[in-house]
């Protein structure tokens, strides 16, 4: 199991709720600060993370993302 955290910058309200609808998103919640939402992803293979982050970036209103993969 591979876990990753994706930080999402988006001025859209309720972006965290939209992010929860993406496959393999374990959790998503709004935050204060430089980013507007945090997404936690759990997948079987590291290569799947790129596909998920690409889907996140396609959401209307998402300005940028930053991904951090758990190191074991």
Protein backbone atom coordinates (compact mmCIF):
# COMPACT_ATOMS: atom_id res chain seq x y z
CA UNK A 1 0.00 0.00 0.00
CA UNK A 2 1.33 3.42 -0.99
CA UNK A 3 0.03 6.59 0.64
CA UNK A 4 0.35 10.13 -0.63
CA UNK A 5 -0.83 13.55 0.42
CA UNK A 6 -1.85 16.05 -2.23
CA UNK A 7 -2.14 19.74 -1.35
CA UNK A 8 -4.65 21.55 -3.55
CA UNK A 9 -4.87 25.27 -4.30
CA UNK A 10 -8.37 26.29 -5.40
CA UNK A 11 -10.48 29.32 -4.59
CA UNK A 12 -13.62 27.24 -5.25
CA UNK A 13 -15.71 26.58 -2.17
CA UNK A 14 -16.43 22.95 -1.38
CA UNK A 15 -13.43 21.76 -3.41
CA UNK A 16 -12.70 19.16 -0.71
CA UNK A 17 -16.13 17.61 -1.26
CA UNK A 18 -15.49 17.37 -5.00
CA UNK A 19 -12.12 15.76 -4.41
CA UNK A 20 -13.70 12.98 -2.33
CA UNK A 21 -15.49 11.73 -5.45
CA UNK A 22 -12.22 10.74 -7.16
CA UNK A 23 -11.31 7.05 -7.04
CA UNK A 24 -8.67 6.09 -4.46
CA UNK A 25 -9.13 9.30 -2.48
CA UNK A 26 -9.17 8.04 1.09
CA UNK A 27 -9.93 11.40 2.66
CA UNK A 28 -10.20 15.06 1.72
CA UNK A 29 -10.71 18.11 3.89
CA UNK A 30 -10.40 21.91 3.69
CA UNK A 31 -7.45 23.65 5.34
CA UNK A 32 -6.29 27.18 5.97
CA UNK A 33 -3.00 28.55 4.70
CA UNK A 34 -1.27 28.50 1.34
CA UNK A 35 -3.42 25.58 0.10
CA UNK A 36 -7.17 25.13 0.33
CA UNK A 37 -7.61 21.37 0.65
CA UNK A 38 -5.67 18.24 1.56
CA UNK A 39 -6.26 14.91 -0.17
CA UNK A 40 -5.04 11.59 1.21
CA UNK A 41 -4.59 8.87 -1.40
CA UNK A 42 -4.09 5.15 -0.80
CA UNK A 43 -3.13 2.95 -3.76
CA UNK A 44 -1.41 -0.36 -4.42
CA UNK A 45 1.27 0.92 -6.80
CA UNK A 46 3.29 4.12 -6.87
CA UNK A 47 2.54 4.60 -10.57
CA UNK A 48 -1.18 5.09 -9.81
CA UNK A 49 -0.52 8.33 -7.96
CA UNK A 50 0.28 10.24 -11.16
CA UNK A 51 -3.07 9.28 -12.70
CA UNK A 52 -4.96 10.40 -9.61
CA UNK A 53 -3.15 13.73 -9.36
CA UNK A 54 -3.82 14.32 -13.06
CA UNK A 55 -7.54 13.78 -12.41
CA UNK A 56 -7.38 16.24 -9.51
CA UNK A 57 -5.69 18.85 -11.72
CA UNK A 58 -8.49 18.49 -14.31
CA UNK A 59 -11.14 19.67 -11.83
CA UNK A 60 -12.37 23.13 -12.76
CA UNK A 61 -10.99 25.65 -10.30
CA UNK A 62 -7.90 23.72 -9.26
CA UNK A 63 -4.98 26.10 -9.73
CA UNK A 64 -2.12 23.86 -8.62
CA UNK A 65 -1.23 20.82 -6.56
CA UNK A 66 1.74 19.56 -4.60
CA UNK A 67 2.16 15.85 -3.95
CA UNK A 68 4.08 14.21 -1.13
CA UNK A 69 4.52 10.42 -1.21
CA UNK A 70 5.05 8.45 1.99
CA UNK A 71 8.59 7.11 2.23
CA UNK A 72 9.05 3.73 3.85
